[in-house]
C-alpha atoms as a PDB file:
ATOM      1  CA  MET A   1      -2.256 -73.784 110.829  1.00  0.00           C
ATOM      2  CA  PHE A   2       0.276 -76.608 111.215  1.00  0.00           C
ATOM      3  CA  ASN A   3      -2.377 -79.189 112.066  1.00  0.00           C
ATOM      4  CA  ILE A   4      -4.548 -78.153 109.110  1.00  0.00           C
ATOM      5  CA  LEU A   5      -1.625 -78.600 106.704  1.00  0.00           C
ATOM      6  CA  LYS A   6      -0.631 -81.926 108.284  1.00  0.00           C
ATOM      7  CA  ASN A   7      -4.201 -83.277 108.051  1.00  0.00           C
ATOM      8  CA  LEU A   8      -4.557 -82.098 104.468  1.00  0.00           C
ATOM      9  CA  LYS A   9      -1.441 -83.968 103.359  1.00  0.00           C
ATOM     10  CA  SER A  10      -2.190 -87.145 105.303  1.00  0.00           C
ATOM     11  CA  SER A  11      -5.772 -87.343 104.011  1.00  0.00           C
ATOM     12  CA  SER A  12      -4.781 -87.360 100.318  1.00  0.00           C
ATOM     13  CA  THR A  13      -2.051 -89.527  98.790  1.00  0.00           C
ATOM     14  CA  TYR A  14      -1.714 -87.243  95.773  1.00  0.00           C
ATOM     15  CA  ILE A  15      -0.839 -84.142  97.841  1.00  0.00           C
ATOM     16  CA  ASP A  16       2.937 -83.883  98.015  1.00  0.00           C
ATOM     17  CA  SER A  17       3.178 -80.693 100.049  1.00  0.00           C
ATOM     18  CA  VAL A  18       1.339 -77.481 100.853  1.00  0.00           C
ATOM     19  CA  TYR A  19       2.783 -74.017 101.468  1.00  0.00           C
ATOM     20  CA  VAL A  20       1.093 -70.893 102.778  1.00  0.00           C
ATOM     21  CA  TYR A  21       2.984 -67.648 102.326  1.00  0.00           C
ATOM     22  CA  PHE A  22       2.210 -64.128 103.499  1.00  0.00           C
ATOM     23  CA  PRO A  23       4.768 -61.442 102.575  1.00  0.00           C
ATOM     24  CA  ASN A  24       7.289 -60.882 105.354  1.00  0.00           C
ATOM     25  CA  GLU A  25      10.780 -59.502 105.686  1.00  0.00           C
ATOM     26  CA  LYS A  26      12.617 -62.854 105.780  1.00  0.00           C
ATOM     27  CA  ASP A  27      10.231 -64.803 103.521  1.00  0.00           C
ATOM     28  CA  TYR A  28       9.063 -67.309 106.120  1.00  0.00           C
ATOM     29  CA  PHE A  29       6.205 -69.586 105.079  1.00  0.00           C
ATOM     30  CA  PHE A  30       4.122 -72.423 106.488  1.00  0.00           C
ATOM     31  CA  GLN A  31       5.027 -75.822 105.026  1.00  0.00           C
ATOM     32  CA  THR A  32       3.632 -79.307 105.560  1.00  0.00           C
ATOM     33  CA  GLY A  33       5.994 -81.357 107.683  1.00  0.00           C
ATOM     34  CA  GLU A  34       8.295 -78.437 108.439  1.00  0.00           C
ATOM     35  CA  LYS A  35       6.010 -75.935 110.132  1.00  0.00           C
ATOM     36  CA  LEU A  36       7.431 -72.407 109.765  1.00  0.00           C
ATOM     37  CA  THR A  37      10.298 -72.373 107.257  1.00  0.00           C
ATOM     38  CA  SER A  38      12.594 -69.723 105.832  1.00  0.00           C
ATOM     39  CA  ILE A  39      12.817 -69.757 102.042  1.00  0.00           C
ATOM     40  CA  GLN A  40      16.619 -69.675 102.447  1.00  0.00           C
ATOM     41  CA  ASP A  41      16.485 -73.035 104.261  1.00  0.00           C
ATOM     42  CA  SER A  42      14.072 -74.648 101.803  1.00  0.00           C
ATOM     43  CA  ALA A  43      15.130 -76.982  99.001  1.00  0.00           C
ATOM     44  CA  ASP A  44      12.109 -75.733  97.012  1.00  0.00           C
ATOM     45  CA  GLN A  45      12.447 -72.003  96.326  1.00  0.00           C
ATOM     46  CA  GLN A  46      11.185 -71.617  92.762  1.00  0.00           C
ATOM     47  CA  TRP A  47       7.508 -71.375  93.768  1.00  0.00           C
ATOM     48  CA  LEU A  48       8.163 -68.135  95.694  1.00  0.00           C
ATOM     49  CA  ARG A  49      10.062 -66.552  92.798  1.00  0.00           C
ATOM     50  CA  ASP A  50       7.188 -67.535  90.497  1.00  0.00           C
ATOM     51  CA  PHE A  51       4.657 -65.995  92.875  1.00  0.00           C
ATOM     52  CA  LYS A  52       6.571 -62.715  93.169  1.00  0.00           C
ATOM     53  CA  GLU A  53       6.989 -62.494  89.379  1.00  0.00           C
ATOM     54  CA  HIS A  54       3.391 -63.456  88.565  1.00  0.00           C
ATOM     55  CA  ALA A  55       0.906 -60.822  87.415  1.00  0.00           C
ATOM     56  CA  LEU A  56      -1.048 -59.344  90.321  1.00  0.00           C
ATOM     57  CA  ASP A  57      -4.362 -59.687  88.481  1.00  0.00           C
ATOM     58  CA  GLU A  58      -3.996 -63.460  88.096  1.00  0.00           C
ATOM     59  CA  ASP A  59      -5.710 -65.186  91.034  1.00  0.00           C
ATOM     60  CA  LYS A  60      -4.693 -68.765  90.243  1.00  0.00           C
ATOM     61  CA  TRP A  61      -2.321 -70.658  87.979  1.00  0.00           C
ATOM     62  CA  ILE A  62      -1.138 -74.218  87.532  1.00  0.00           C
ATOM     63  CA  VAL A  63       2.468 -75.118  86.762  1.00  0.00           C
ATOM     64  CA  PRO A  64       4.048 -78.517  86.056  1.00  0.00           C
ATOM     65  CA  ARG A  65       7.509 -78.551  87.630  1.00  0.00           C
ATOM     66  CA  SER A  66      10.272 -80.596  89.233  1.00  0.00           C
ATOM     67  CA  PHE A  67      11.521 -79.882  92.725  1.00  0.00           C
ATOM     68  CA  GLN A  68      12.956 -81.322  95.941  1.00  0.00           C
ATOM     69  CA  ASN A  69      11.219 -81.317  99.320  1.00  0.00           C
ATOM     70  CA  TYR A  70      14.593 -81.808 101.023  1.00  0.00           C
ATOM     71  CA  HIS A  71      18.149 -81.079  99.903  1.00  0.00           C
ATOM     72  CA  PHE A  72      19.136 -84.770 100.208  1.00  0.00           C
ATOM     73  CA  GLU A  73      16.428 -86.142  97.888  1.00  0.00           C
ATOM     74  CA  LYS A  74      16.422 -86.059  94.111  1.00  0.00           C
ATOM     75  CA  GLU A  75      13.932 -83.951  92.194  1.00  0.00           C
ATOM     76  CA  HIS A  76      10.489 -85.318  91.417  1.00  0.00           C
ATOM     77  CA  ASN A  77       7.693 -84.112  89.152  1.00  0.00           C
ATOM     78  CA  ALA A  78       4.672 -82.311  90.497  1.00  0.00           C
ATOM     79  CA  VAL A  79       1.741 -80.226  89.396  1.00  0.00           C
ATOM     80  CA  THR A  80       1.693 -77.033  91.445  1.00  0.00           C
ATOM     81  CA  ILE A  81      -1.573 -75.193  91.999  1.00  0.00           C
ATOM     82  CA  ASN A  82      -1.128 -71.588  93.129  1.00  0.00           C
ATOM     83  CA  ARG A  83      -4.014 -69.584  94.584  1.00  0.00           C
ATOM     84  CA  ARG A  84      -3.493 -65.940  95.484  1.00  0.00           C
ATOM     85  CA  ILE A  85      -4.707 -64.913  98.971  1.00  0.00           C
ATOM     86  CA  ARG A  86      -5.913 -61.420  98.127  1.00  0.00           C
ATOM     87  CA  TYR A  87      -6.639 -59.909 101.525  1.00  0.00           C
ATOM     88  CA  TYR A  88      -3.143 -60.691 102.830  1.00  0.00           C
ATOM     89  CA  SER A  89      -1.290 -60.465  99.478  1.00  0.00           C
ATOM     90  CA  GLY A  90      -0.092 -64.038  99.938  1.00  0.00           C
ATOM     91  CA  VAL A  91      -0.400 -67.377  98.181  1.00  0.00           C
ATOM     92  CA  LEU A  92      -1.555 -70.927  98.875  1.00  0.00           C
ATOM     93  CA  VAL A  93       0.592 -73.479  97.031  1.00  0.00           C
ATOM     94  CA  VAL A  94      -0.503 -77.102  96.661  1.00  0.00           C
ATOM     95  CA  ASN A  95       2.018 -79.507  95.115  1.00  0.00           C
ATOM     96  CA  LEU A  96       0.361 -82.601  93.673  1.00  0.00           C
ATOM     97  CA  ASP A  97       2.473 -85.730  93.191  1.00  0.00           C
ATOM     98  CA  GLN A  98       2.507 -86.317  89.441  1.00  0.00           C
ATOM     99  CA  SER A  99       3.223 -90.062  89.715  1.00  0.00           C
ATOM    100  CA  VAL A 100       0.231 -90.641  92.026  1.00  0.00           C
ATOM    101  CA  LEU A 101      -2.009 -88.591  89.720  1.00  0.00           C
ATOM    102  CA  SER A 102      -0.843 -90.683  86.768  1.00  0.00           C
ATOM    103  CA  GLU A 103      -1.708 -93.881  88.642  1.00  0.00           C
ATOM    104  CA  LEU A 104      -5.163 -92.500  89.393  1.00  0.00           C
ATOM    105  CA  LEU A 105      -5.691 -91.772  85.694  1.00  0.00           C
ATOM    106  CA  SER A 106      -4.538 -95.287  84.782  1.00  0.00           C
ATOM    107  CA  SER A 107      -7.257 -96.674  87.051  1.00  0.00           C
ATOM    108  CA  LEU A 108      -9.851 -94.847  84.916  1.00  0.00           C
ATOM    109  CA  GLU A 109      -8.882 -96.520  81.633  1.00  0.00           C
ATOM    110  CA  ASN A 110     -11.780 -98.097  79.721  1.00  0.00           C
ATOM    111  CA  TYR A 111      -9.850 -99.470  76.750  1.00  0.00           C
ATOM    112  CA  PRO A 112      -6.470-101.184  76.289  1.00  0.00           C
ATOM    113  CA  ASN A 113      -3.713 -98.666  75.510  1.00  0.00           C
ATOM    114  CA  GLU A 114      -6.057 -95.732  76.205  1.00  0.00           C
ATOM    115  CA  SER A 115      -4.202 -92.454  76.800  1.00  0.00           C
ATOM    116  CA  ILE A 116      -5.669 -89.954  79.238  1.00  0.00           C
ATOM    117  CA  PHE A 117      -4.330 -86.401  79.558  1.00  0.00           C
ATOM    118  CA  VAL A 118      -5.010 -83.494  81.883  1.00  0.00           C
ATOM    119  CA  THR A 119      -4.023 -80.142  80.393  1.00  0.00           C
ATOM    120  CA  ASN A 120      -3.999 -76.514  81.407  1.00  0.00           C
ATOM    121  CA  SER A 121      -6.092 -73.874  79.627  1.00  0.00           C
ATOM    122  CA  GLU A 122      -3.408 -73.547  76.909  1.00  0.00           C
ATOM    123  CA  GLY A 123      -3.511 -77.251  76.093  1.00  0.00           C
ATOM    124  CA  ARG A 124      -0.152 -77.972  77.728  1.00  0.00           C
ATOM    125  CA  MET A 125      -0.046 -81.361  79.424  1.00  0.00           C
ATOM    126  CA  LEU A 126       0.050 -81.302  83.223  1.00  0.00           C
ATOM    127  CA  PHE A 127      -0.020 -85.075  83.733  1.00  0.00           C
ATOM    128  CA  SER A 128      -1.222 -88.237  82.034  1.00  0.00           C
ATOM    129  CA  ASN A 129      -1.620 -91.970  82.500  1.00  0.00           C
ATOM    130  CA  ALA A 130       1.234 -94.382  81.696  1.00  0.00           C
ATOM    131  CA  ASN A 131      -0.079 -95.161  78.179  1.00  0.00           C
ATOM    132  CA  ALA A 132       0.451 -91.557  77.087  1.00  0.00           C
ATOM    133  CA  ASP A 133       4.193 -92.204  76.809  1.00  0.00           C
ATOM    134  CA  GLN A 134       3.470 -94.268  73.671  1.00  0.00           C
ATOM    135  CA  LEU A 135       2.459 -91.061  71.885  1.00  0.00           C
ATOM    136  CA  HIS A 136       5.872 -89.426  72.480  1.00  0.00           C
ATOM    137  CA  PHE A 137       4.160 -86.214  73.439  1.00  0.00           C
ATOM    138  CA  ASN A 138       6.215 -83.010  73.244  1.00  0.00           C
ATOM    139  CA  GLU A 139       5.524 -81.173  76.530  1.00  0.00           C
ATOM    140  CA  LYS A 140       6.302 -77.787  74.961  1.00  0.00           C
ATOM    141  CA  GLN A 141       3.643 -78.333  72.292  1.00  0.00           C
ATOM    142  CA  GLY A 142      -0.071 -77.938  73.001  1.00  0.00           C
ATOM    143  CA  ILE A 143      -1.980 -81.219  73.015  1.00  0.00           C
ATOM    144  CA  HIS A 144      -4.246 -80.111  70.165  1.00  0.00           C
ATOM    145  CA  GLU A 145      -1.175 -79.365  67.993  1.00  0.00           C
ATOM    146  CA  HIS A 146       0.240 -82.781  68.831  1.00  0.00           C
ATOM    147  CA  PHE A 147      -2.922 -84.648  67.870  1.00  0.00           C
ATOM    148  CA  LEU A 148      -3.198 -82.764  64.595  1.00  0.00           C
ATOM    149  CA  SER A 149       0.287 -83.999  63.707  1.00  0.00           C
ATOM    150  CA  LEU A 150      -0.534 -87.696  64.362  1.00  0.00           C
ATOM    151  CA  VAL A 151      -1.371 -90.209  61.675  1.00  0.00           C
ATOM    152  CA  PRO A 152      -5.213 -90.497  61.624  1.00  0.00           C
ATOM    153  CA  SER A 153      -5.166 -94.279  62.222  1.00  0.00           C
ATOM    154  CA  ARG A 154      -3.581 -93.754  65.664  1.00  0.00           C
ATOM    155  CA  LEU A 155      -6.398 -91.548  66.940  1.00  0.00           C
ATOM    156  CA  LEU A 156      -9.426 -92.832  68.811  1.00  0.00           C
ATOM    157  CA  PHE A 157     -12.057 -90.406  70.001  1.00  0.00           C
ATOM    158  CA  THR A 158     -14.904 -91.385  72.251  1.00  0.00           C
ATOM    159  CA  VAL A 159     -18.040 -89.275  72.247  1.00  0.00           C
ATOM    160  CA  GLY A 160     -20.677 -89.693  74.833  1.00  0.00           C
END
């Protein structure tokens, strides 16, 4: 298990960390770089609370969040993908580095000042390229609501 997690992280620059959790008395989980970790010793504990509070019928969910890998570092932004492991009642958590994802999106730009967004199913922004900051996007507002509130001359849609 440890080698699989280590190889997964080292093979992709955008993977910040991976956790695998199966319910146990002391809430131990597998973590990239740390092997077997107690949630009490982890700087990142919110993901487990989210998992335990999440509806049992939801198999996967994506959450933008800020967290620390270690107590001595400052928080950083990530996109967390959660996938329920049904047979064992556990969860696979993949934390994607939001800054690396944004750089990847910037490399896809076709036009100057082009803004590229990735949203969840509710239209809430998960991450974007650097140009998106120019739109002063409200993260609590769905992207479709935001675009409807913009002045028409600022919008550019590409079809094709």
